[in-house]
Amino acid sequence: MRNETANKYLFTKYDALGRVAYTGFYTATIGQQSIQDSLQFNRAVNRTNYEIQKTTAQGATQIGDTQVFYSNSSYPSNNLEVLTINYYDRYVDYGVAEAMDWSFPQVFTTSTLLRTL
């Protein structure tokens, strides 16, 4: 999705298993063809088209005004505004006070953080 006047694009970044890691807006300073060329170059050079989930010990990645417990290595990686973040498979302290009850068999679910307006 694109806003014609502001060069704002909706982006989605994935983890290694193809699950949505985080989404947001990318404000482009270049044209659409240059964006496509940059995306192809990034995939050819870095050979990475996914983000890696981080632990609290590794520390968060600062993206704009949002801390994200994922890498930010796939394109685009700058001029981003994060809207949603999904965490999978393990518990990480995201600054939300939660009581975890580990007495039942483990079923790992997605933890999603949303930006509010």
PDB file of N, CA and C in Angstrom:
ATOM      1  N   MET A   1       0.846  -1.164   0.000  1.00  0.00           N
ATOM      2  CA  MET A   1       0.000   0.000   0.000  1.00  0.00           C
ATOM      3  C   MET A   1       0.894   1.230   0.000  1.00  0.00           C
ATOM      4  N   ARG A   2       0.499   2.243  -0.760  1.00  0.00           N
ATOM      5  CA  ARG A   2       1.340   3.418  -0.893  1.00  0.00           C
ATOM      6  C   ARG A   2       0.518   4.683  -0.795  1.00  0.00           C
ATOM      7  N   ASN A   3       1.039   5.676  -0.108  1.00  0.00           N
ATOM      8  CA  ASN A   3       0.455   7.004  -0.048  1.00  0.00           C
ATOM      9  C   ASN A   3       1.176   7.839  -1.095  1.00  0.00           C
ATOM     10  N   GLU A   4       0.498   8.286  -2.132  1.00  0.00           N
ATOM     11  CA  GLU A   4       1.116   8.970  -3.264  1.00  0.00           C
ATOM     12  C   GLU A   4       1.872  10.236  -2.875  1.00  0.00           C
ATOM     13  N   THR A   5       1.405  10.994  -1.911  1.00  0.00           N
ATOM     14  CA  THR A   5       2.019  12.280  -1.622  1.00  0.00           C
ATOM     15  C   THR A   5       3.220  12.192  -0.694  1.00  0.00           C
ATOM     16  N   ALA A   6       3.282  11.223   0.156  1.00  0.00           N
ATOM     17  CA  ALA A   6       4.352  11.189   1.164  1.00  0.00           C
ATOM     18  C   ALA A   6       5.396  10.112   0.913  1.00  0.00           C
ATOM     19  N   ASN A   7       5.295   9.345  -0.171  1.00  0.00           N
ATOM     20  CA  ASN A   7       6.207   8.227  -0.407  1.00  0.00           C
ATOM     21  C   ASN A   7       6.276   7.295   0.788  1.00  0.00           C
ATOM     22  N   LYS A   8       5.131   7.030   1.396  1.00  0.00           N
ATOM     23  CA  LYS A   8       5.037   6.137   2.543  1.00  0.00           C
ATOM     24  C   LYS A   8       4.521   4.790   2.069  1.00  0.00           C
ATOM     25  N   TYR A   9       5.256   3.749   2.415  1.00  0.00           N
ATOM     26  CA  TYR A   9       4.904   2.396   2.021  1.00  0.00           C
ATOM     27  C   TYR A   9       4.678   1.551   3.266  1.00  0.00           C
ATOM     28  N   LEU A  10       3.711   0.665   3.210  1.00  0.00           N
ATOM     29  CA  LEU A  10       3.499  -0.311   4.273  1.00  0.00           C
ATOM     30  C   LEU A  10       4.483  -1.452   4.047  1.00  0.00           C
ATOM     31  N   PHE A  11       5.227  -1.850   5.098  1.00  0.00           N
ATOM     32  CA  PHE A  11       6.165  -2.965   4.968  1.00  0.00           C
ATOM     33  C   PHE A  11       5.817  -4.060   5.972  1.00  0.00           C
ATOM     34  N   THR A  12       6.219  -5.274   5.651  1.00  0.00           N
ATOM     35  CA  THR A  12       6.093  -6.424   6.542  1.00  0.00           C
ATOM     36  C   THR A  12       7.428  -7.149   6.541  1.00  0.00           C
ATOM     37  N   LYS A  13       7.963  -7.399   7.722  1.00  0.00           N
ATOM     38  CA  LYS A  13       9.200  -8.174   7.839  1.00  0.00           C
ATOM     39  C   LYS A  13       8.861  -9.521   8.476  1.00  0.00           C
ATOM     40  N   TYR A  14       9.587 -10.567   8.049  1.00  0.00           N
ATOM     41  CA  TYR A  14       9.293 -11.932   8.455  1.00  0.00           C
ATOM     42  C   TYR A  14      10.455 -12.531   9.224  1.00  0.00           C
ATOM     43  N   ASP A  15      10.176 -13.603   9.989  1.00  0.00           N
ATOM     44  CA  ASP A  15      11.249 -14.350  10.627  1.00  0.00           C
ATOM     45  C   ASP A  15      11.695 -15.466   9.683  1.00  0.00           C
ATOM     46  N   ALA A  16      12.638 -16.296  10.121  1.00  0.00           N
ATOM     47  CA  ALA A  16      13.204 -17.342   9.262  1.00  0.00           C
ATOM     48  C   ALA A  16      12.183 -18.398   8.852  1.00  0.00           C
ATOM     49  N   LEU A  17      11.083 -18.514   9.601  1.00  0.00           N
ATOM     50  CA  LEU A  17      10.050 -19.501   9.280  1.00  0.00           C
ATOM     51  C   LEU A  17       8.910 -18.903   8.463  1.00  0.00           C
ATOM     52  N   GLY A  18       9.060 -17.656   8.026  1.00  0.00           N
ATOM     53  CA  GLY A  18       8.043 -17.027   7.193  1.00  0.00           C
ATOM     54  C   GLY A  18       6.885 -16.419   7.963  1.00  0.00           C
ATOM     55  N   ARG A  19       7.014 -16.308   9.283  1.00  0.00           N
ATOM     56  CA  ARG A  19       5.963 -15.700  10.101  1.00  0.00           C
ATOM     57  C   ARG A  19       6.207 -14.199  10.179  1.00  0.00           C
ATOM     58  N   VAL A  20       5.133 -13.429  10.313  1.00  0.00           N
ATOM     59  CA  VAL A  20       5.263 -11.983  10.397  1.00  0.00           C
ATOM     60  C   VAL A  20       5.978 -11.604  11.693  1.00  0.00           C
ATOM     61  N   ALA A  21       7.102 -10.895  11.584  1.00  0.00           N
ATOM     62  CA  ALA A  21       7.848 -10.418  12.748  1.00  0.00           C
ATOM     63  C   ALA A  21       7.323  -9.040  13.156  1.00  0.00           C
ATOM     64  N   TYR A  22       7.352  -8.106  12.218  1.00  0.00           N
ATOM     65  CA  TYR A  22       6.801  -6.779  12.504  1.00  0.00           C
ATOM     66  C   TYR A  22       6.401  -6.068  11.222  1.00  0.00           C
ATOM     67  N   THR A  23       5.516  -5.099  11.379  1.00  0.00           N
ATOM     68  CA  THR A  23       5.006  -4.329  10.247  1.00  0.00           C
ATOM     69  C   THR A  23       5.117  -2.847  10.576  1.00  0.00           C
ATOM     70  N   GLY A  24       4.973  -2.030   9.558  1.00  0.00           N
ATOM     71  CA  GLY A  24       4.987  -0.596   9.783  1.00  0.00           C
ATOM     72  C   GLY A  24       4.997   0.180   8.488  1.00  0.00           C
ATOM     73  N   PHE A  25       5.381   1.448   8.605  1.00  0.00           N
ATOM     74  CA  PHE A  25       5.492   2.323   7.444  1.00  0.00           C
ATOM     75  C   PHE A  25       6.954   2.604   7.152  1.00  0.00           C
ATOM     76  N   TYR A  26       7.286   2.597   5.883  1.00  0.00           N
ATOM     77  CA  TYR A  26       8.604   2.983   5.384  1.00  0.00           C
ATOM     78  C   TYR A  26       8.424   4.274   4.607  1.00  0.00           C
ATOM     79  N   THR A  27       9.122   5.328   5.013  1.00  0.00           N
ATOM     80  CA  THR A  27       9.081   6.587   4.279  1.00  0.00           C
ATOM     81  C   THR A  27      10.273   6.611   3.336  1.00  0.00           C
ATOM     82  N   ALA A  28       9.994   6.528   2.041  1.00  0.00           N
ATOM     83  CA  ALA A  28      11.040   6.427   1.030  1.00  0.00           C
ATOM     84  C   ALA A  28      11.554   7.799   0.632  1.00  0.00           C
ATOM     85  N   THR A  29      12.850   7.858   0.398  1.00  0.00           N
ATOM     86  CA  THR A  29      13.463   9.070  -0.135  1.00  0.00           C
ATOM     87  C   THR A  29      13.893   8.846  -1.582  1.00  0.00           C
ATOM     88  N   ILE A  30      13.555   7.668  -2.112  1.00  0.00           N
ATOM     89  CA  ILE A  30      13.900   7.294  -3.487  1.00  0.00           C
ATOM     90  C   ILE A  30      12.643   6.796  -4.190  1.00  0.00           C
ATOM     91  N   GLY A  31      12.696   6.666  -5.504  1.00  0.00           N
ATOM     92  CA  GLY A  31      11.549   6.222  -6.288  1.00  0.00           C
ATOM     93  C   GLY A  31      11.328   4.724  -6.211  1.00  0.00           C
ATOM     94  N   GLN A  32      10.202   4.288  -6.767  1.00  0.00           N
ATOM     95  CA  GLN A  32       9.813   2.879  -6.691  1.00  0.00           C
ATOM     96  C   GLN A  32      10.837   1.960  -7.355  1.00  0.00           C
ATOM     97  N   GLN A  33      11.358   2.325  -8.522  1.00  0.00           N
ATOM     98  CA  GLN A  33      12.345   1.474  -9.183  1.00  0.00           C
ATOM     99  C   GLN A  33      13.605   1.335  -8.341  1.00  0.00           C
ATOM    100  N   SER A  34      14.032   2.430  -7.707  1.00  0.00           N
ATOM    101  CA  SER A  34      15.214   2.383  -6.836  1.00  0.00           C
ATOM    102  C   SER A  34      14.962   1.516  -5.611  1.00  0.00           C
ATOM    103  N   ILE A  35      13.740   1.535  -5.112  1.00  0.00           N
ATOM    104  CA  ILE A  35      13.375   0.672  -3.975  1.00  0.00           C
ATOM    105  C   ILE A  35      13.499  -0.789  -4.390  1.00  0.00           C
ATOM    106  N   GLN A  36      12.973  -1.147  -5.562  1.00  0.00           N
ATOM    107  CA  GLN A  36      13.068  -2.524  -6.045  1.00  0.00           C
ATOM    108  C   GLN A  36      14.522  -2.927  -6.256  1.00  0.00           C
ATOM    109  N   ASP A  37      15.325  -2.031  -6.835  1.00  0.00           N
ATOM    110  CA  ASP A  37      16.743  -2.325  -7.045  1.00  0.00           C
ATOM    111  C   ASP A  37      17.459  -2.533  -5.709  1.00  0.00           C
ATOM    112  N   SER A  38      17.151  -1.683  -4.711  1.00  0.00           N
ATOM    113  CA  SER A  38      17.767  -1.808  -3.384  1.00  0.00           C
ATOM    114  C   SER A  38      17.387  -3.122  -2.728  1.00  0.00           C
ATOM    115  N   LEU A  39      16.133  -3.525  -2.865  1.00  0.00           N
ATOM    116  CA  LEU A  39      15.664  -4.787  -2.300  1.00  0.00           C
ATOM    117  C   LEU A  39      16.414  -5.962  -2.928  1.00  0.00           C
ATOM    118  N   GLN A  40      16.532  -5.974  -4.244  1.00  0.00           N
ATOM    119  CA  GLN A  40      17.237  -7.061  -4.919  1.00  0.00           C
ATOM    120  C   GLN A  40      18.717  -7.073  -4.561  1.00  0.00           C
ATOM    121  N   PHE A  41      19.337  -5.902  -4.463  1.00  0.00           N
ATOM    122  CA  PHE A  41      20.749  -5.813  -4.092  1.00  0.00           C
ATOM    123  C   PHE A  41      20.955  -6.332  -2.669  1.00  0.00           C
ATOM    124  N   ASN A  42      20.097  -5.920  -1.748  1.00  0.00           N
ATOM    125  CA  ASN A  42      20.200  -6.356  -0.354  1.00  0.00           C
ATOM    126  C   ASN A  42      20.094  -7.875  -0.256  1.00  0.00           C
ATOM    127  N   ARG A  43      19.180  -8.471  -0.989  1.00  0.00           N
ATOM    128  CA  ARG A  43      19.030  -9.937  -0.944  1.00  0.00           C
ATOM    129  C   ARG A  43      20.239 -10.636  -1.540  1.00  0.00           C
ATOM    130  N   ALA A  44      20.825 -10.067  -2.596  1.00  0.00           N
ATOM    131  CA  ALA A  44      21.981 -10.690  -3.241  1.00  0.00           C
ATOM    132  C   ALA A  44      23.228 -10.580  -2.370  1.00  0.00           C
ATOM    133  N   VAL A  45      23.429  -9.439  -1.735  1.00  0.00           N
ATOM    134  CA  VAL A  45      24.637  -9.210  -0.945  1.00  0.00           C
ATOM    135  C   VAL A  45      24.530  -9.847   0.438  1.00  0.00           C
ATOM    136  N   ASN A  46      23.449  -9.574   1.149  1.00  0.00           N
ATOM    137  CA  ASN A  46      23.291 -10.078   2.516  1.00  0.00           C
ATOM    138  C   ASN A  46      22.764 -11.497   2.566  1.00  0.00           C
ATOM    139  N   ARG A  47      22.114 -11.932   1.516  1.00  0.00           N
ATOM    140  CA  ARG A  47      21.480 -13.245   1.448  1.00  0.00           C
ATOM    141  C   ARG A  47      20.521 -13.464   2.621  1.00  0.00           C
ATOM    142  N   THR A  48      20.000 -12.368   3.136  1.00  0.00           N
ATOM    143  CA  THR A  48      19.068 -12.436   4.251  1.00  0.00           C
ATOM    144  C   THR A  48      17.808 -11.680   3.888  1.00  0.00           C
ATOM    145  N   ASN A  49      16.695 -12.360   3.940  1.00  0.00           N
ATOM    146  CA  ASN A  49      15.428 -11.677   3.697  1.00  0.00           C
ATOM    147  C   ASN A  49      14.481 -11.886   4.871  1.00  0.00           C
ATOM    148  N   TYR A  50      15.075 -12.095   6.053  1.00  0.00           N
ATOM    149  CA  TYR A  50      14.263 -12.284   7.250  1.00  0.00           C
ATOM    150  C   TYR A  50      14.980 -11.660   8.451  1.00  0.00           C
ATOM    151  N   GLU A  51      14.224 -11.508   9.529  1.00  0.00           N
ATOM    152  CA  GLU A  51      14.768 -10.939  10.767  1.00  0.00           C
ATOM    153  C   GLU A  51      14.944 -12.054  11.795  1.00  0.00           C
ATOM    154  N   ILE A  52      15.902 -11.868  12.690  1.00  0.00           N
ATOM    155  CA  ILE A  52      16.209 -12.846  13.724  1.00  0.00           C
ATOM    156  C   ILE A  52      15.735 -12.307  15.063  1.00  0.00           C
ATOM    157  N   GLN A  53      14.959 -13.123  15.789  1.00  0.00           N
ATOM    158  CA  GLN A  53      14.463 -12.700  17.093  1.00  0.00           C
ATOM    159  C   GLN A  53      15.610 -12.644  18.085  1.00  0.00           C
ATOM    160  N   LYS A  54      15.631 -11.591  18.908  1.00  0.00           N
ATOM    161  CA  LYS A  54      16.673 -11.398  19.909  1.00  0.00           C
ATOM    162  C   LYS A  54      16.145 -11.727  21.299  1.00  0.00           C
ATOM    163  N   THR A  55      17.061 -12.010  22.199  1.00  0.00           N
ATOM    164  CA  THR A  55      16.700 -12.196  23.603  1.00  0.00           C
ATOM    165  C   THR A  55      16.901 -10.866  24.335  1.00  0.00           C
ATOM    166  N   THR A  56      16.393 -10.784  25.541  1.00  0.00           N
ATOM    167  CA  THR A  56      16.603  -9.562  26.313  1.00  0.00           C
ATOM    168  C   THR A  56      18.084  -9.366  26.618  1.00  0.00           C
ATOM    169  N   ALA A  57      18.835 -10.454  26.752  1.00  0.00           N
ATOM    170  CA  ALA A  57      20.273 -10.339  27.000  1.00  0.00           C
ATOM    171  C   ALA A  57      20.990  -9.699  25.812  1.00  0.00           C
ATOM    172  N   GLN A  58      20.502  -9.967  24.604  1.00  0.00           N
ATOM    173  CA  GLN A  58      21.092  -9.369  23.405  1.00  0.00           C
ATOM    174  C   GLN A  58      20.682  -7.911  23.246  1.00  0.00           C
ATOM    175  N   GLY A  59      19.587  -7.560  23.843  1.00  0.00           N
ATOM    176  CA  GLY A  59      19.119  -6.182  23.774  1.00  0.00           C
ATOM    177  C   GLY A  59      18.221  -5.932  22.578  1.00  0.00           C
ATOM    178  N   ALA A  60      17.438  -4.899  22.698  1.00  0.00           N
ATOM    179  CA  ALA A  60      16.477  -4.548  21.662  1.00  0.00           C
ATOM    180  C   ALA A  60      17.145  -3.725  20.562  1.00  0.00           C
ATOM    181  N   THR A  61      16.539  -3.734  19.400  1.00  0.00           N
ATOM    182  CA  THR A  61      16.930  -2.874  18.303  1.00  0.00           C
ATOM    183  C   THR A  61      16.017  -1.665  18.332  1.00  0.00           C
ATOM    184  N   GLN A  62      16.580  -0.481  18.293  1.00  0.00           N
ATOM    185  CA  GLN A  62      15.787   0.742  18.275  1.00  0.00           C
ATOM    186  C   GLN A  62      15.424   1.063  16.831  1.00  0.00           C
ATOM    187  N   ILE A  63      14.128   1.077  16.543  1.00  0.00           N
ATOM    188  CA  ILE A  63      13.641   1.440  15.213  1.00  0.00           C
ATOM    189  C   ILE A  63      12.695   2.609  15.401  1.00  0.00           C
ATOM    190  N   GLY A  64      13.154   3.788  15.020  1.00  0.00           N
ATOM    191  CA  GLY A  64      12.372   4.985  15.292  1.00  0.00           C
ATOM    192  C   GLY A  64      12.257   5.157  16.791  1.00  0.00           C
ATOM    193  N   ASP A  65      11.020   5.270  17.273  1.00  0.00           N
ATOM    194  CA  ASP A  65      10.808   5.413  18.716  1.00  0.00           C
ATOM    195  C   ASP A  65      10.365   4.107  19.367  1.00  0.00           C
ATOM    196  N   THR A  66      10.597   2.976  18.677  1.00  0.00           N
ATOM    197  CA  THR A  66      10.139   1.675  19.156  1.00  0.00           C
ATOM    198  C   THR A  66      11.313   0.724  19.354  1.00  0.00           C
ATOM    199  N   GLN A  67      11.307   0.013  20.485  1.00  0.00           N
ATOM    200  CA  GLN A  67      12.296  -1.032  20.713  1.00  0.00           C
ATOM    201  C   GLN A  67      11.725  -2.356  20.231  1.00  0.00           C
ATOM    202  N   VAL A  68      12.487  -3.051  19.400  1.00  0.00           N
ATOM    203  CA  VAL A  68      12.047  -4.304  18.789  1.00  0.00           C
ATOM    204  C   VAL A  68      13.066  -5.383  19.127  1.00  0.00           C
ATOM    205  N   PHE A  69      12.602  -6.543  19.579  1.00  0.00           N
ATOM    206  CA  PHE A  69      13.504  -7.653  19.881  1.00  0.00           C
ATOM    207  C   PHE A  69      13.678  -8.553  18.660  1.00  0.00           C
ATOM    208  N   TYR A  70      14.010  -7.918  17.544  1.00  0.00           N
ATOM    209  CA  TYR A  70      14.378  -8.563  16.283  1.00  0.00           C
ATOM    210  C   TYR A  70      15.540  -7.785  15.686  1.00  0.00           C
ATOM    211  N   SER A  71      16.257  -8.428  14.782  1.00  0.00           N
ATOM    212  CA  SER A  71      17.261  -7.702  14.014  1.00  0.00           C
ATOM    213  C   SER A  71      16.539  -6.759  13.049  1.00  0.00           C
ATOM    214  N   ASN A  72      17.294  -5.931  12.379  1.00  0.00           N
ATOM    215  CA  ASN A  72      16.732  -5.028  11.364  1.00  0.00           C
ATOM    216  C   ASN A  72      17.664  -5.048  10.167  1.00  0.00           C
ATOM    217  N   SER A  73      17.891  -6.245   9.617  1.00  0.00           N
ATOM    218  CA  SER A  73      18.896  -6.399   8.560  1.00  0.00           C
ATOM    219  C   SER A  73      18.310  -6.490   7.161  1.00  0.00           C
ATOM    220  N   SER A  74      17.058  -6.853   7.025  1.00  0.00           N
ATOM    221  CA  SER A  74      16.467  -6.927   5.685  1.00  0.00           C
ATOM    222  C   SER A  74      15.938  -5.554   5.273  1.00  0.00           C
ATOM    223  N   TYR A  75      15.767  -5.370   3.976  1.00  0.00           N
ATOM    224  CA  TYR A  75      15.321  -4.084   3.433  1.00  0.00           C
ATOM    225  C   TYR A  75      13.828  -3.916   3.625  1.00  0.00           C
ATOM    226  N   PRO A  76      13.351  -2.743   3.987  1.00  0.00           N
ATOM    227  CA  PRO A  76      14.073  -1.513   4.323  1.00  0.00           C
ATOM    228  C   PRO A  76      14.528  -1.535   5.773  1.00  0.00           C
ATOM    229  N   SER A  77      15.580  -0.776   6.061  1.00  0.00           N
ATOM    230  CA  SER A  77      16.107  -0.782   7.421  1.00  0.00           C
ATOM    231  C   SER A  77      16.225   0.612   8.033  1.00  0.00           C
ATOM    232  N   ASN A  78      15.824   1.639   7.316  1.00  0.00           N
ATOM    233  CA  ASN A  78      15.833   2.980   7.885  1.00  0.00           C
ATOM    234  C   ASN A  78      14.558   3.713   7.491  1.00  0.00           C
ATOM    235  N   ASN A  79      14.308   4.837   8.140  1.00  0.00           N
ATOM    236  CA  ASN A  79      13.089   5.626   7.905  1.00  0.00           C
ATOM    237  C   ASN A  79      11.829   4.787   8.153  1.00  0.00           C
ATOM    238  N   LEU A  80      11.836   4.022   9.247  1.00  0.00           N
ATOM    239  CA  LEU A  80      10.732   3.116   9.554  1.00  0.00           C
ATOM    240  C   LEU A  80       9.925   3.606  10.751  1.00  0.00           C
ATOM    241  N   GLU A  81       8.642   3.320  10.717  1.00  0.00           N
ATOM    242  CA  GLU A  81       7.743   3.519  11.851  1.00  0.00           C
ATOM    243  C   GLU A  81       7.061   2.182  12.103  1.00  0.00           C
ATOM    244  N   VAL A  82       7.352   1.553  13.226  1.00  0.00           N
ATOM    245  CA  VAL A  82       6.811   0.225  13.534  1.00  0.00           C
ATOM    246  C   VAL A  82       5.377   0.358  14.037  1.00  0.00           C
ATOM    247  N   LEU A  83       4.484  -0.473  13.482  1.00  0.00           N
ATOM    248  CA  LEU A  83       3.081  -0.478  13.898  1.00  0.00           C
ATOM    249  C   LEU A  83       2.724  -1.700  14.726  1.00  0.00           C
ATOM    250  N   THR A  84       3.177  -2.897  14.313  1.00  0.00           N
ATOM    251  CA  THR A  84       2.893  -4.124  15.061  1.00  0.00           C
ATOM    252  C   THR A  84       4.164  -4.951  15.185  1.00  0.00           C
ATOM    253  N   ILE A  85       4.266  -5.697  16.283  1.00  0.00           N
ATOM    254  CA  ILE A  85       5.391  -6.603  16.514  1.00  0.00           C
ATOM    255  C   ILE A  85       4.815  -7.929  16.993  1.00  0.00           C
ATOM    256  N   ASN A  86       5.263  -9.032  16.419  1.00  0.00           N
ATOM    257  CA  ASN A  86       4.843 -10.374  16.840  1.00  0.00           C
ATOM    258  C   ASN A  86       6.057 -11.124  17.366  1.00  0.00           C
ATOM    259  N   TYR A  87       5.903 -11.757  18.530  1.00  0.00           N
ATOM    260  CA  TYR A  87       6.967 -12.583  19.090  1.00  0.00           C
ATOM    261  C   TYR A  87       6.455 -14.020  19.180  1.00  0.00           C
ATOM    262  N   TYR A  88       7.329 -14.972  18.880  1.00  0.00           N
ATOM    263  CA  TYR A  88       6.953 -16.373  18.806  1.00  0.00           C
ATOM    264  C   TYR A  88       7.850 -17.245  19.683  1.00  0.00           C
ATOM    265  N   ASP A  89       7.306 -18.370  20.116  1.00  0.00           N
ATOM    266  CA  ASP A  89       8.040 -19.530  20.621  1.00  0.00           C
ATOM    267  C   ASP A  89       8.705 -19.419  21.977  1.00  0.00           C
ATOM    268  N   ARG A  90       8.934 -18.255  22.487  1.00  0.00           N
ATOM    269  CA  ARG A  90       9.581 -18.171  23.792  1.00  0.00           C
ATOM    270  C   ARG A  90       9.141 -16.885  24.476  1.00  0.00           C
ATOM    271  N   TYR A  91       9.238 -16.910  25.797  1.00  0.00           N
ATOM    272  CA  TYR A  91       8.851 -15.749  26.580  1.00  0.00           C
ATOM    273  C   TYR A  91      10.025 -14.790  26.688  1.00  0.00           C
ATOM    274  N   VAL A  92       9.786 -13.552  26.358  1.00  0.00           N
ATOM    275  CA  VAL A  92      10.770 -12.488  26.507  1.00  0.00           C
ATOM    276  C   VAL A  92      10.078 -11.358  27.250  1.00  0.00           C
ATOM    277  N   ASP A  93      10.770 -10.744  28.179  1.00  0.00           N
ATOM    278  CA  ASP A  93      10.193  -9.631  28.927  1.00  0.00           C
ATOM    279  C   ASP A  93      10.144  -8.398  28.039  1.00  0.00           C
ATOM    280  N   TYR A  94       8.949  -8.029  27.609  1.00  0.00           N
ATOM    281  CA  TYR A  94       8.763  -6.888  26.719  1.00  0.00           C
ATOM    282  C   TYR A  94       8.375  -5.636  27.482  1.00  0.00           C
ATOM    283  N   GLY A  95       8.594  -5.625  28.796  1.00  0.00           N
ATOM    284  CA  GLY A  95       8.230  -4.469  29.587  1.00  0.00           C
ATOM    285  C   GLY A  95       6.775  -4.494  30.013  1.00  0.00           C
ATOM    286  N   VAL A  96       6.109  -5.629  29.830  1.00  0.00           N
ATOM    287  CA  VAL A  96       4.718  -5.784  30.231  1.00  0.00           C
ATOM    288  C   VAL A  96       4.694  -6.735  31.413  1.00  0.00           C
ATOM    289  N   ALA A  97       4.087  -6.318  32.505  1.00  0.00           N
ATOM    290  CA  ALA A  97       4.024  -7.172  33.694  1.00  0.00           C
ATOM    291  C   ALA A  97       3.025  -8.294  33.448  1.00  0.00           C
ATOM    292  N   GLU A  98       3.530  -9.523  33.381  1.00  0.00           N
ATOM    293  CA  GLU A  98       2.671 -10.688  33.163  1.00  0.00           C
ATOM    294  C   GLU A  98       3.072 -11.781  34.140  1.00  0.00           C
ATOM    295  N   ALA A  99       2.085 -12.472  34.639  1.00  0.00           N
ATOM    296  CA  ALA A  99       2.349 -13.640  35.477  1.00  0.00           C
ATOM    297  C   ALA A  99       2.271 -14.866  34.586  1.00  0.00           C
ATOM    298  N   MET A 100       3.330 -15.633  34.518  1.00  0.00           N
ATOM    299  CA  MET A 100       3.356 -16.819  33.675  1.00  0.00           C
ATOM    300  C   MET A 100       3.083 -18.055  34.533  1.00  0.00           C
ATOM    301  N   ASP A 101       2.115 -18.853  34.147  1.00  0.00           N
ATOM    302  CA  ASP A 101       1.801 -20.092  34.841  1.00  0.00           C
ATOM    303  C   ASP A 101       2.362 -21.244  34.018  1.00  0.00           C
ATOM    304  N   TRP A 102       3.465 -21.845  34.487  1.00  0.00           N
ATOM    305  CA  TRP A 102       4.129 -22.905  33.742  1.00  0.00           C
ATOM    306  C   TRP A 102       3.714 -24.295  34.234  1.00  0.00           C
ATOM    307  N   SER A 103       2.602 -24.396  34.964  1.00  0.00           N
ATOM    308  CA  SER A 103       2.201 -25.678  35.523  1.00  0.00           C
ATOM    309  C   SER A 103       1.499 -26.570  34.496  1.00  0.00           C
ATOM    310  N   PHE A 104       1.076 -26.030  33.372  1.00  0.00           N
ATOM    311  CA  PHE A 104       0.390 -26.802  32.338  1.00  0.00           C
ATOM    312  C   PHE A 104       1.347 -27.093  31.195  1.00  0.00           C
ATOM    313  N   PRO A 105       1.020 -28.085  30.368  1.00  0.00           N
ATOM    314  CA  PRO A 105       1.870 -28.350  29.195  1.00  0.00           C
ATOM    315  C   PRO A 105       2.026 -27.073  28.358  1.00  0.00           C
ATOM    316  N   GLN A 106       3.201 -26.905  27.805  1.00  0.00           N
ATOM    317  CA  GLN A 106       3.502 -25.677  27.090  1.00  0.00           C
ATOM    318  C   GLN A 106       2.847 -25.648  25.710  1.00  0.00           C
ATOM    319  N   VAL A 107       2.118 -24.602  25.467  1.00  0.00           N
ATOM    320  CA  VAL A 107       1.595 -24.291  24.137  1.00  0.00           C
ATOM    321  C   VAL A 107       2.041 -22.871  23.877  1.00  0.00           C
ATOM    322  N   PHE A 108       2.981 -22.702  22.960  1.00  0.00           N
ATOM    323  CA  PHE A 108       3.519 -21.384  22.712  1.00  0.00           C
ATOM    324  C   PHE A 108       2.619 -20.633  21.751  1.00  0.00           C
ATOM    325  N   THR A 109       2.249 -19.470  22.149  1.00  0.00           N
ATOM    326  CA  THR A 109       1.388 -18.640  21.316  1.00  0.00           C
ATOM    327  C   THR A 109       2.121 -17.366  20.943  1.00  0.00           C
ATOM    328  N   THR A 110       1.536 -16.645  20.049  1.00  0.00           N
ATOM    329  CA  THR A 110       2.113 -15.395  19.592  1.00  0.00           C
ATOM    330  C   THR A 110       1.809 -14.290  20.583  1.00  0.00           C
ATOM    331  N   SER A 111       2.798 -13.485  20.864  1.00  0.00           N
ATOM    332  CA  SER A 111       2.602 -12.270  21.651  1.00  0.00           C
ATOM    333  C   SER A 111       2.679 -11.115  20.676  1.00  0.00           C
ATOM    334  N   THR A 112       1.669 -10.301  20.629  1.00  0.00           N
ATOM    335  CA  THR A 112       1.622  -9.205  19.674  1.00  0.00           C
ATOM    336  C   THR A 112       1.547  -7.877  20.413  1.00  0.00           C
ATOM    337  N   LEU A 113       2.386  -6.940  20.022  1.00  0.00           N
ATOM    338  CA  LEU A 113       2.346  -5.591  20.557  1.00  0.00           C
ATOM    339  C   LEU A 113       1.861  -4.673  19.447  1.00  0.00           C
ATOM    340  N   LEU A 114       0.886  -3.814  19.756  1.00  0.00           N
ATOM    341  CA  LEU A 114       0.322  -2.908  18.766  1.00  0.00           C
ATOM    342  C   LEU A 114       0.573  -1.470  19.175  1.00  0.00           C
ATOM    343  N   ARG A 115       0.827  -0.620  18.204  1.00  0.00           N
ATOM    344  CA  ARG A 115       0.958   0.809  18.458  1.00  0.00           C
ATOM    345  C   ARG A 115      -0.450   1.395  18.525  1.00  0.00           C
ATOM    346  N   THR A 116      -0.706   2.199  19.537  1.00  0.00           N
ATOM    347  CA  THR A 116      -2.011   2.824  19.664  1.00  0.00           C
ATOM    348  C   THR A 116      -1.948   4.254  19.168  1.00  0.00           C
ATOM    349  N   LEU A 117      -3.075   4.719  18.685  1.00  0.00           N
ATOM    350  CA  LEU A 117      -3.119   6.086  18.160  1.00  0.00           C
ATOM    351  C   LEU A 117      -3.474   7.075  19.230  1.00  0.00           C
TER     352      LEU A 117
END
